[in-house]
Amino acid sequence: MTWNEQFNELFNRCLSAYENGNSDFMSYYTPKDHEFLASIGHKPRELFDFVEDLADEGFPAKSTALLVAAVRRDYFLAVQTGKTSHKEISRDDVPSFGQEFDGLAYLPRIIAKAEAKLRGELDPDMMFGCGGDRKFLRENGGIHLADFLRHVWAAAGNPSKVAEFVKKSVISPQVAASS
């Protein structure tokens, strides 16, 4: 029942290491840390990406990293029954930045990244929640990363449902905040 506290402690330790000049993120983790991350379906690089962005850009917040990890953990335990996927999605496997769906540029890319994030299949050099993802969500109603991830999960592969959610968020930003 305390996985979130363990996540926060690990995040804080990694942030401190990074802020003290250590960019070798693999040196941050003990064998127990690796075991913990695996138990929630999280990869070491995924945590580091949030640490690095927070330290260098001031966001996303640690709470955002935790909420995104919670969605991934829920999917990992409920859908994947705790079994890790051994597939990996590379940059070449996701739509390009300019591709559109239902008039929304970038939507196919962020959906593909979110689906891969849910399954734990993102290449370590790709981040769900990168600057481009955050920009898209900010410009489309201020959707939170974790809310978008949950909506992609609920859409079950139907991009029209995700597009509808995004468009409603643009019209009424509180839809994104309350979702």
N, C-alpha and C. Protein backbone atom coordinates (compact mmCIF):
# COMPACT_ATOMS: atom_id res chain seq x y z
N MET A 1 0.81 -1.20 0.00
CA MET A 1 0.00 0.00 0.00
C MET A 1 0.86 1.27 0.00
N THR A 2 2.16 1.13 0.00
CA THR A 2 3.02 2.32 0.07
C THR A 2 3.89 2.46 -1.17
N TRP A 3 3.49 1.87 -2.26
CA TRP A 3 4.34 1.96 -3.46
C TRP A 3 4.56 3.41 -3.87
N ASN A 4 3.53 4.25 -3.67
CA ASN A 4 3.66 5.66 -4.06
C ASN A 4 4.73 6.37 -3.23
N GLU A 5 4.81 6.04 -1.95
CA GLU A 5 5.85 6.63 -1.11
C GLU A 5 7.24 6.16 -1.54
N GLN A 6 7.33 4.90 -1.88
CA GLN A 6 8.60 4.35 -2.36
C GLN A 6 8.99 5.03 -3.68
N PHE A 7 8.01 5.26 -4.55
CA PHE A 7 8.26 5.95 -5.81
C PHE A 7 8.77 7.37 -5.53
N ASN A 8 8.09 8.08 -4.65
CA ASN A 8 8.50 9.46 -4.33
C ASN A 8 9.90 9.51 -3.72
N GLU A 9 10.21 8.59 -2.83
CA GLU A 9 11.55 8.55 -2.24
C GLU A 9 12.61 8.29 -3.30
N LEU A 10 12.33 7.36 -4.19
CA LEU A 10 13.27 7.07 -5.28
C LEU A 10 13.41 8.27 -6.21
N PHE A 11 12.31 8.90 -6.53
CA PHE A 11 12.34 10.09 -7.38
C PHE A 11 13.21 11.17 -6.74
N ASN A 12 12.99 11.43 -5.46
CA ASN A 12 13.77 12.46 -4.76
C ASN A 12 15.25 12.12 -4.75
N ARG A 13 15.58 10.86 -4.53
CA ARG A 13 16.99 10.44 -4.51
C ARG A 13 17.61 10.63 -5.90
N CYS A 14 16.87 10.27 -6.93
CA CYS A 14 17.38 10.41 -8.30
C CYS A 14 17.53 11.89 -8.67
N LEU A 15 16.56 12.70 -8.27
CA LEU A 15 16.63 14.13 -8.54
C LEU A 15 17.84 14.75 -7.86
N SER A 16 18.09 14.36 -6.64
CA SER A 16 19.26 14.87 -5.91
C SER A 16 20.55 14.47 -6.61
N ALA A 17 20.63 13.22 -7.05
CA ALA A 17 21.84 12.76 -7.76
C ALA A 17 22.04 13.56 -9.04
N TYR A 18 20.96 13.76 -9.79
CA TYR A 18 21.06 14.51 -11.05
C TYR A 18 21.47 15.96 -10.78
N GLU A 19 20.84 16.58 -9.80
CA GLU A 19 21.15 17.98 -9.48
C GLU A 19 22.57 18.15 -8.95
N ASN A 20 23.14 17.05 -8.44
CA ASN A 20 24.53 17.09 -7.97
C ASN A 20 25.52 16.69 -9.07
N GLY A 21 25.04 16.66 -10.32
CA GLY A 21 25.92 16.46 -11.46
C GLY A 21 26.04 15.04 -11.97
N ASN A 22 25.34 14.09 -11.40
CA ASN A 22 25.41 12.71 -11.87
C ASN A 22 24.33 12.48 -12.93
N SER A 23 24.73 12.36 -14.18
CA SER A 23 23.76 12.11 -15.25
C SER A 23 23.74 10.64 -15.68
N ASP A 24 24.49 9.81 -14.99
CA ASP A 24 24.49 8.36 -15.27
C ASP A 24 23.34 7.73 -14.48
N PHE A 25 22.14 7.81 -15.05
CA PHE A 25 20.95 7.41 -14.31
C PHE A 25 20.96 5.95 -13.87
N MET A 26 21.67 5.10 -14.57
CA MET A 26 21.69 3.70 -14.15
C MET A 26 22.45 3.54 -12.82
N SER A 27 23.31 4.49 -12.49
CA SER A 27 24.02 4.41 -11.22
C SER A 27 23.13 4.82 -10.04
N TYR A 28 21.96 5.37 -10.32
CA TYR A 28 21.06 5.82 -9.26
C TYR A 28 20.41 4.65 -8.52
N TYR A 29 20.28 3.52 -9.20
CA TYR A 29 19.40 2.47 -8.72
C TYR A 29 20.14 1.31 -8.08
N THR A 30 19.63 0.88 -6.94
CA THR A 30 20.11 -0.33 -6.28
C THR A 30 19.36 -1.52 -6.89
N PRO A 31 19.81 -2.73 -6.62
CA PRO A 31 19.03 -3.89 -7.08
C PRO A 31 17.58 -3.86 -6.57
N LYS A 32 17.38 -3.38 -5.34
CA LYS A 32 16.00 -3.29 -4.80
C LYS A 32 15.19 -2.25 -5.58
N ASP A 33 15.83 -1.17 -6.02
CA ASP A 33 15.14 -0.16 -6.82
C ASP A 33 14.70 -0.76 -8.15
N HIS A 34 15.59 -1.52 -8.78
CA HIS A 34 15.23 -2.19 -10.04
C HIS A 34 14.06 -3.14 -9.84
N GLU A 35 14.08 -3.87 -8.74
CA GLU A 35 13.00 -4.80 -8.41
C GLU A 35 11.68 -4.04 -8.21
N PHE A 36 11.76 -2.93 -7.50
CA PHE A 36 10.57 -2.11 -7.27
C PHE A 36 10.01 -1.58 -8.59
N LEU A 37 10.88 -0.99 -9.40
CA LEU A 37 10.42 -0.44 -10.68
C LEU A 37 9.76 -1.52 -11.53
N ALA A 38 10.36 -2.70 -11.59
CA ALA A 38 9.79 -3.80 -12.35
C ALA A 38 8.43 -4.20 -11.80
N SER A 39 8.25 -4.12 -10.50
CA SER A 39 6.99 -4.52 -9.87
C SER A 39 5.83 -3.59 -10.23
N ILE A 40 6.15 -2.37 -10.65
CA ILE A 40 5.09 -1.43 -11.06
C ILE A 40 5.10 -1.22 -12.58
N GLY A 41 5.89 -2.03 -13.30
CA GLY A 41 5.92 -1.93 -14.75
C GLY A 41 6.65 -0.72 -15.27
N HIS A 42 7.58 -0.21 -14.51
CA HIS A 42 8.30 1.02 -14.85
C HIS A 42 9.75 0.70 -15.20
N LYS A 43 10.28 1.42 -16.16
CA LYS A 43 11.67 1.24 -16.56
C LYS A 43 12.53 2.34 -15.94
N PRO A 44 13.79 2.04 -15.64
CA PRO A 44 14.67 3.06 -15.04
C PRO A 44 14.75 4.34 -15.85
N ARG A 45 14.79 4.24 -17.14
CA ARG A 45 14.91 5.44 -17.99
C ARG A 45 13.65 6.30 -17.90
N GLU A 46 12.49 5.67 -17.74
CA GLU A 46 11.24 6.43 -17.65
C GLU A 46 11.26 7.37 -16.45
N LEU A 47 11.73 6.88 -15.33
CA LEU A 47 11.83 7.71 -14.14
C LEU A 47 12.84 8.83 -14.37
N PHE A 48 13.98 8.49 -14.95
CA PHE A 48 15.01 9.49 -15.20
C PHE A 48 14.51 10.60 -16.11
N ASP A 49 13.74 10.27 -17.14
CA ASP A 49 13.24 11.30 -18.05
C ASP A 49 12.44 12.37 -17.31
N PHE A 50 11.61 11.95 -16.36
CA PHE A 50 10.84 12.91 -15.57
C PHE A 50 11.76 13.70 -14.63
N VAL A 51 12.74 13.03 -14.04
CA VAL A 51 13.71 13.69 -13.17
C VAL A 51 14.47 14.76 -13.95
N GLU A 52 14.98 14.38 -15.10
CA GLU A 52 15.77 15.29 -15.92
C GLU A 52 14.95 16.51 -16.36
N ASP A 53 13.72 16.27 -16.83
CA ASP A 53 12.89 17.40 -17.27
C ASP A 53 12.54 18.32 -16.11
N LEU A 54 12.24 17.76 -14.95
CA LEU A 54 11.94 18.60 -13.80
C LEU A 54 13.16 19.45 -13.41
N ALA A 55 14.31 18.83 -13.37
CA ALA A 55 15.53 19.55 -12.98
C ALA A 55 15.91 20.61 -14.01
N ASP A 56 15.79 20.28 -15.29
CA ASP A 56 16.25 21.18 -16.35
C ASP A 56 15.20 22.21 -16.77
N GLU A 57 13.91 21.82 -16.72
CA GLU A 57 12.86 22.70 -17.25
C GLU A 57 11.88 23.18 -16.18
N GLY A 58 11.91 22.56 -15.02
CA GLY A 58 10.99 22.95 -13.97
C GLY A 58 9.65 22.24 -14.01
N PHE A 59 9.46 21.36 -14.95
CA PHE A 59 8.24 20.57 -15.07
C PHE A 59 8.50 19.41 -16.02
N PRO A 60 7.68 18.40 -16.02
CA PRO A 60 6.49 18.23 -15.20
C PRO A 60 6.84 17.95 -13.75
N ALA A 61 5.89 18.22 -12.88
CA ALA A 61 6.09 18.06 -11.44
C ALA A 61 6.29 16.59 -11.06
N LYS A 62 6.87 16.39 -9.90
CA LYS A 62 7.03 15.04 -9.37
C LYS A 62 5.68 14.36 -9.26
N SER A 63 4.64 15.10 -8.89
CA SER A 63 3.30 14.51 -8.77
C SER A 63 2.81 14.01 -10.12
N THR A 64 3.18 14.68 -11.19
CA THR A 64 2.80 14.22 -12.53
C THR A 64 3.49 12.90 -12.84
N ALA A 65 4.76 12.80 -12.51
CA ALA A 65 5.48 11.54 -12.72
C ALA A 65 4.82 10.41 -11.94
N LEU A 66 4.39 10.69 -10.72
CA LEU A 66 3.72 9.69 -9.90
C LEU A 66 2.38 9.29 -10.52
N LEU A 67 1.60 10.26 -10.97
CA LEU A 67 0.29 9.95 -11.54
C LEU A 67 0.41 9.15 -12.84
N VAL A 68 1.38 9.49 -13.67
CA VAL A 68 1.62 8.72 -14.89
C VAL A 68 2.07 7.30 -14.54
N ALA A 69 2.95 7.19 -13.55
CA ALA A 69 3.39 5.87 -13.11
C ALA A 69 2.22 5.06 -12.56
N ALA A 70 1.27 5.74 -11.90
CA ALA A 70 0.10 5.04 -11.35
C ALA A 70 -0.77 4.46 -12.46
N VAL A 71 -0.95 5.22 -13.53
CA VAL A 71 -1.74 4.70 -14.66
C VAL A 71 -1.03 3.49 -15.26
N ARG A 72 0.27 3.62 -15.49
CA ARG A 72 1.04 2.50 -16.04
C ARG A 72 0.96 1.29 -15.11
N ARG A 73 1.12 1.51 -13.82
CA ARG A 73 1.06 0.43 -12.83
C ARG A 73 -0.30 -0.26 -12.88
N ASP A 74 -1.38 0.52 -12.91
CA ASP A 74 -2.72 -0.05 -12.97
C ASP A 74 -2.89 -0.92 -14.21
N TYR A 75 -2.44 -0.41 -15.36
CA TYR A 75 -2.54 -1.16 -16.61
C TYR A 75 -1.70 -2.44 -16.53
N PHE A 76 -0.49 -2.29 -16.02
CA PHE A 76 0.43 -3.42 -15.89
C PHE A 76 -0.18 -4.53 -15.03
N LEU A 77 -0.78 -4.16 -13.93
CA LEU A 77 -1.35 -5.16 -13.03
C LEU A 77 -2.71 -5.67 -13.50
N ALA A 78 -3.57 -4.79 -13.99
CA ALA A 78 -4.93 -5.19 -14.36
C ALA A 78 -5.02 -5.84 -15.74
N VAL A 79 -4.34 -5.28 -16.71
CA VAL A 79 -4.44 -5.78 -18.08
C VAL A 79 -3.35 -6.79 -18.39
N GLN A 80 -2.13 -6.46 -18.01
CA GLN A 80 -1.00 -7.34 -18.32
C GLN A 80 -0.74 -8.37 -17.22
N THR A 81 -1.56 -8.35 -16.19
CA THR A 81 -1.44 -9.26 -15.04
C THR A 81 0.00 -9.39 -14.55
N GLY A 82 0.70 -8.26 -14.53
CA GLY A 82 2.06 -8.22 -14.01
C GLY A 82 3.11 -8.80 -14.92
N LYS A 83 2.75 -9.05 -16.17
CA LYS A 83 3.70 -9.62 -17.13
C LYS A 83 4.23 -8.53 -18.05
N THR A 84 5.53 -8.41 -18.10
CA THR A 84 6.19 -7.39 -18.91
C THR A 84 6.16 -7.77 -20.38
N SER A 85 5.85 -6.79 -21.23
CA SER A 85 5.94 -6.99 -22.67
C SER A 85 7.41 -6.91 -23.07
N HIS A 86 7.81 -7.74 -23.99
CA HIS A 86 9.20 -7.71 -24.47
C HIS A 86 9.32 -7.02 -25.82
N LYS A 87 8.22 -6.44 -26.27
CA LYS A 87 8.22 -5.66 -27.51
C LYS A 87 8.69 -4.24 -27.18
N GLU A 88 9.33 -3.60 -28.16
CA GLU A 88 9.78 -2.23 -27.96
C GLU A 88 9.44 -1.40 -29.19
N ILE A 89 8.79 -0.27 -28.96
CA ILE A 89 8.36 0.64 -30.01
C ILE A 89 9.42 1.73 -30.17
N SER A 90 9.96 1.86 -31.38
CA SER A 90 10.99 2.87 -31.64
C SER A 90 10.37 4.11 -32.28
N ARG A 91 11.19 5.10 -32.48
CA ARG A 91 10.74 6.33 -33.15
C ARG A 91 10.16 6.04 -34.54
N ASP A 92 10.70 5.05 -35.20
CA ASP A 92 10.23 4.71 -36.54
C ASP A 92 8.86 4.03 -36.53
N ASP A 93 8.42 3.57 -35.36
CA ASP A 93 7.15 2.85 -35.24
C ASP A 93 5.97 3.75 -34.91
N VAL A 94 6.23 5.01 -34.59
CA VAL A 94 5.14 5.93 -34.25
C VAL A 94 4.95 6.93 -35.39
N PRO A 95 3.73 7.43 -35.54
CA PRO A 95 3.48 8.42 -36.59
C PRO A 95 4.39 9.65 -36.43
N SER A 96 4.60 10.34 -37.54
CA SER A 96 5.46 11.53 -37.51
C SER A 96 4.75 12.69 -36.80
N PHE A 97 5.50 13.71 -36.51
CA PHE A 97 5.00 14.88 -35.79
C PHE A 97 3.83 15.55 -36.51
N GLY A 98 3.86 15.59 -37.83
CA GLY A 98 2.86 16.33 -38.59
C GLY A 98 1.60 15.56 -38.94
N GLN A 99 1.58 14.27 -38.67
CA GLN A 99 0.38 13.50 -39.03
C GLN A 99 -0.81 13.95 -38.21
N GLU A 100 -1.99 13.91 -38.83
CA GLU A 100 -3.22 14.37 -38.20
C GLU A 100 -4.24 13.24 -38.10
N PHE A 101 -5.13 13.40 -37.17
CA PHE A 101 -6.33 12.58 -37.09
C PHE A 101 -7.46 13.50 -36.69
N ASP A 102 -8.53 13.47 -37.44
CA ASP A 102 -9.71 14.28 -37.15
C ASP A 102 -9.35 15.76 -36.99
N GLY A 103 -8.41 16.21 -37.83
CA GLY A 103 -8.01 17.61 -37.82
C GLY A 103 -7.03 18.00 -36.72
N LEU A 104 -6.56 17.03 -35.96
CA LEU A 104 -5.64 17.32 -34.86
C LEU A 104 -4.24 16.82 -35.19
N ALA A 105 -3.37 17.78 -35.53
CA ALA A 105 -1.97 17.43 -35.79
C ALA A 105 -1.34 16.92 -34.50
N TYR A 106 -0.50 15.91 -34.63
CA TYR A 106 0.27 15.30 -33.54
C TYR A 106 -0.53 14.24 -32.79
N LEU A 107 -1.86 14.24 -32.92
CA LEU A 107 -2.66 13.28 -32.17
C LEU A 107 -2.28 11.83 -32.47
N PRO A 108 -2.07 11.43 -33.72
CA PRO A 108 -1.68 10.03 -33.94
C PRO A 108 -0.38 9.66 -33.22
N ARG A 109 0.55 10.58 -33.17
CA ARG A 109 1.84 10.31 -32.51
C ARG A 109 1.67 10.14 -31.01
N ILE A 110 0.95 11.06 -30.37
CA ILE A 110 0.83 10.99 -28.92
C ILE A 110 -0.03 9.80 -28.50
N ILE A 111 -1.01 9.44 -29.32
CA ILE A 111 -1.80 8.24 -29.01
C ILE A 111 -0.90 7.00 -29.07
N ALA A 112 -0.10 6.90 -30.13
CA ALA A 112 0.79 5.73 -30.27
C ALA A 112 1.77 5.67 -29.10
N LYS A 113 2.30 6.81 -28.70
CA LYS A 113 3.23 6.83 -27.57
C LYS A 113 2.51 6.45 -26.27
N ALA A 114 1.29 6.94 -26.08
CA ALA A 114 0.52 6.62 -24.88
C ALA A 114 0.20 5.13 -24.83
N GLU A 115 -0.20 4.56 -25.96
CA GLU A 115 -0.49 3.13 -25.99
C GLU A 115 0.76 2.31 -25.66
N ALA A 116 1.89 2.72 -26.21
CA ALA A 116 3.15 2.02 -25.92
C ALA A 116 3.54 2.22 -24.46
N LYS A 117 3.30 3.40 -23.91
CA LYS A 117 3.58 3.66 -22.49
C LYS A 117 2.74 2.73 -21.62
N LEU A 118 1.47 2.62 -21.94
CA LEU A 118 0.59 1.75 -21.16
C LEU A 118 1.12 0.32 -21.13
N ARG A 119 1.59 -0.15 -22.27
CA ARG A 119 2.08 -1.54 -22.38
C ARG A 119 3.53 -1.70 -21.93
N GLY A 120 4.20 -0.58 -21.62
CA GLY A 120 5.61 -0.64 -21.23
C GLY A 120 6.52 -0.95 -22.40
N GLU A 121 6.16 -0.47 -23.58
CA GLU A 121 6.88 -0.83 -24.80
C GLU A 121 7.65 0.33 -25.44
N LEU A 122 7.75 1.46 -24.77
CA LEU A 122 8.48 2.58 -25.36
C LEU A 122 9.99 2.32 -25.34
N ASP A 123 10.61 2.58 -26.45
CA ASP A 123 12.07 2.57 -26.54
C ASP A 123 12.61 3.50 -25.46
N PRO A 124 13.71 3.16 -24.82
CA PRO A 124 14.25 4.03 -23.76
C PRO A 124 14.55 5.45 -24.23
N ASP A 125 14.73 5.66 -25.53
CA ASP A 125 15.01 7.00 -26.03
C ASP A 125 13.75 7.79 -26.35
N MET A 126 12.59 7.23 -26.05
CA MET A 126 11.32 7.94 -26.26
C MET A 126 10.65 8.13 -24.91
N MET A 127 9.98 9.25 -24.77
CA MET A 127 9.31 9.56 -23.51
C MET A 127 7.87 9.93 -23.77
N PHE A 128 6.95 9.28 -23.08
CA PHE A 128 5.59 9.79 -23.04
C PHE A 128 5.61 10.90 -22.00
N GLY A 129 5.26 12.09 -22.44
CA GLY A 129 5.31 13.24 -21.55
C GLY A 129 6.45 14.18 -21.88
N CYS A 130 7.07 13.97 -23.04
CA CYS A 130 8.15 14.85 -23.48
C CYS A 130 7.59 16.25 -23.75
N GLY A 131 8.47 17.17 -24.08
CA GLY A 131 8.06 18.54 -24.35
C GLY A 131 7.00 18.65 -25.44
N GLY A 132 7.12 17.86 -26.50
CA GLY A 132 6.13 17.89 -27.57
C GLY A 132 4.77 17.40 -27.11
N ASP A 133 4.76 16.35 -26.30
CA ASP A 133 3.49 15.83 -25.75
C ASP A 133 2.85 16.88 -24.84
N ARG A 134 3.66 17.46 -23.98
CA ARG A 134 3.14 18.47 -23.05
C ARG A 134 2.59 19.68 -23.80
N LYS A 135 3.28 20.08 -24.87
CA LYS A 135 2.83 21.22 -25.67
C LYS A 135 1.47 20.92 -26.30
N PHE A 136 1.33 19.73 -26.89
CA PHE A 136 0.07 19.33 -27.51
C PHE A 136 -1.06 19.37 -26.48
N LEU A 137 -0.83 18.78 -25.32
CA LEU A 137 -1.89 18.72 -24.31
C LEU A 137 -2.21 20.09 -23.73
N ARG A 138 -1.19 20.91 -23.56
CA ARG A 138 -1.39 22.28 -23.06
C ARG A 138 -2.23 23.08 -24.06
N GLU A 139 -1.93 22.96 -25.34
CA GLU A 139 -2.63 23.72 -26.38
C GLU A 139 -4.02 23.18 -26.67
N ASN A 140 -4.32 22.01 -26.16
CA ASN A 140 -5.63 21.41 -26.40
C ASN A 140 -6.40 21.24 -25.10
N GLY A 141 -6.56 22.33 -24.40
CA GLY A 141 -7.40 22.35 -23.22
C GLY A 141 -6.68 22.14 -21.90
N GLY A 142 -5.35 22.02 -21.95
CA GLY A 142 -4.61 21.83 -20.71
C GLY A 142 -4.82 20.45 -20.09
N ILE A 143 -4.86 19.45 -20.92
CA ILE A 143 -5.09 18.08 -20.47
C ILE A 143 -3.87 17.59 -19.69
N HIS A 144 -4.11 16.97 -18.57
CA HIS A 144 -3.04 16.40 -17.76
C HIS A 144 -2.54 15.12 -18.44
N LEU A 145 -1.23 14.88 -18.35
CA LEU A 145 -0.64 13.67 -18.95
C LEU A 145 -1.33 12.40 -18.48
N ALA A 146 -1.57 12.28 -17.18
CA ALA A 146 -2.20 11.06 -16.65
C ALA A 146 -3.64 10.92 -17.13
N ASP A 147 -4.37 12.03 -17.23
CA ASP A 147 -5.74 11.98 -17.74
C ASP A 147 -5.76 11.52 -19.19
N PHE A 148 -4.84 12.05 -19.98
CA PHE A 148 -4.77 11.63 -21.38
C PHE A 148 -4.47 10.14 -21.47
N LEU A 149 -3.53 9.68 -20.67
CA LEU A 149 -3.16 8.26 -20.68
C LEU A 149 -4.36 7.39 -20.31
N ARG A 150 -5.12 7.79 -19.32
CA ARG A 150 -6.32 7.03 -18.93
C ARG A 150 -7.37 7.04 -20.04
N HIS A 151 -7.52 8.17 -20.72
CA HIS A 151 -8.49 8.22 -21.82
C HIS A 151 -8.05 7.34 -22.99
N VAL A 152 -6.77 7.29 -23.25
CA VAL A 152 -6.28 6.39 -24.30
C VAL A 152 -6.56 4.95 -23.90
N TRP A 153 -6.35 4.61 -22.67
CA TRP A 153 -6.65 3.26 -22.17
C TRP A 153 -8.14 2.96 -22.36
N ALA A 154 -9.00 3.89 -21.93
CA ALA A 154 -10.45 3.69 -22.01
C ALA A 154 -10.94 3.61 -23.45
N ALA A 155 -10.24 4.29 -24.36
CA ALA A 155 -10.65 4.29 -25.77
C ALA A 155 -10.40 2.95 -26.44
N ALA A 156 -9.57 2.12 -25.85
CA ALA A 156 -9.32 0.76 -26.33
C ALA A 156 -9.02 0.69 -27.83
N GLY A 157 -8.10 1.55 -28.26
CA GLY A 157 -7.67 1.51 -29.66
C GLY A 157 -8.53 2.31 -30.62
N ASN A 158 -9.51 3.04 -30.13
CA ASN A 158 -10.39 3.85 -30.98
C ASN A 158 -9.94 5.30 -30.92
N PRO A 159 -9.20 5.76 -31.93
CA PRO A 159 -8.69 7.13 -31.90
C PRO A 159 -9.79 8.18 -31.95
N SER A 160 -10.95 7.83 -32.47
CA SER A 160 -12.07 8.79 -32.52
C SER A 160 -12.51 9.18 -31.11
N LYS A 161 -12.49 8.23 -30.17
CA LYS A 161 -12.85 8.54 -28.79
C LYS A 161 -11.84 9.49 -28.16
N VAL A 162 -10.56 9.30 -28.48
CA VAL A 162 -9.53 10.18 -27.95
C VAL A 162 -9.67 11.57 -28.56
N ALA A 163 -9.90 11.64 -29.86
CA ALA A 163 -10.08 12.93 -30.53
C ALA A 163 -11.28 13.67 -29.96
N GLU A 164 -12.34 12.96 -29.68
CA GLU A 164 -13.53 13.58 -29.09
C GLU A 164 -13.20 14.17 -27.71
N PHE A 165 -12.47 13.42 -26.90
CA PHE A 165 -12.06 13.92 -25.59
C PHE A 165 -11.21 15.17 -25.73
N VAL A 166 -10.25 15.15 -26.64
CA VAL A 166 -9.37 16.31 -26.82
C VAL A 166 -10.18 17.51 -27.27
N LYS A 167 -11.07 17.32 -28.24
CA LYS A 167 -11.86 18.45 -28.74
C LYS A 167 -12.78 19.00 -27.66
N LYS A 168 -13.37 18.16 -26.84
CA LYS A 168 -14.20 18.64 -25.74
C LYS A 168 -13.35 19.42 -24.73
N SER A 169 -12.12 19.01 -24.55
CA SER A 169 -11.23 19.69 -23.61
C SER A 169 -10.88 21.09 -24.11
N VAL A 170 -10.75 21.25 -25.41
CA VAL A 170 -10.46 22.56 -25.99
C VAL A 170 -11.64 23.50 -25.79
N ILE A 171 -12.84 22.98 -26.00
CA ILE A 171 -14.05 23.79 -25.84
C ILE A 171 -14.28 24.13 -24.38
N SER A 172 -14.07 23.16 -23.52
CA SER A 172 -14.32 23.33 -22.10
C SER A 172 -13.16 22.75 -21.31
N PRO A 173 -12.12 23.55 -21.05
CA PRO A 173 -10.92 23.04 -20.38
C PRO A 173 -11.19 22.33 -19.05
N GLN A 174 -12.29 22.69 -18.35
CA GLN A 174 -12.55 22.00 -17.09
C GLN A 174 -12.88 20.53 -17.30
N VAL A 175 -13.27 20.13 -18.53
CA VAL A 175 -13.49 18.72 -18.83
C VAL A 175 -12.17 17.97 -18.63
N ALA A 176 -11.09 18.57 -19.12
CA ALA A 176 -9.77 17.92 -18.96
C ALA A 176 -9.37 17.87 -17.50
N ALA A 177 -9.66 18.93 -16.76
CA ALA A 177 -9.26 18.98 -15.37
C ALA A 177 -10.05 18.02 -14.50
N SER A 178 -11.31 17.78 -14.86
CA SER A 178 -12.14 16.92 -14.03
C SER A 178 -12.11 15.47 -14.45
N SER A 179 -11.47 15.18 -15.55
CA SER A 179 -11.46 13.82 -16.06
C SER A 179 -10.48 12.93 -15.35
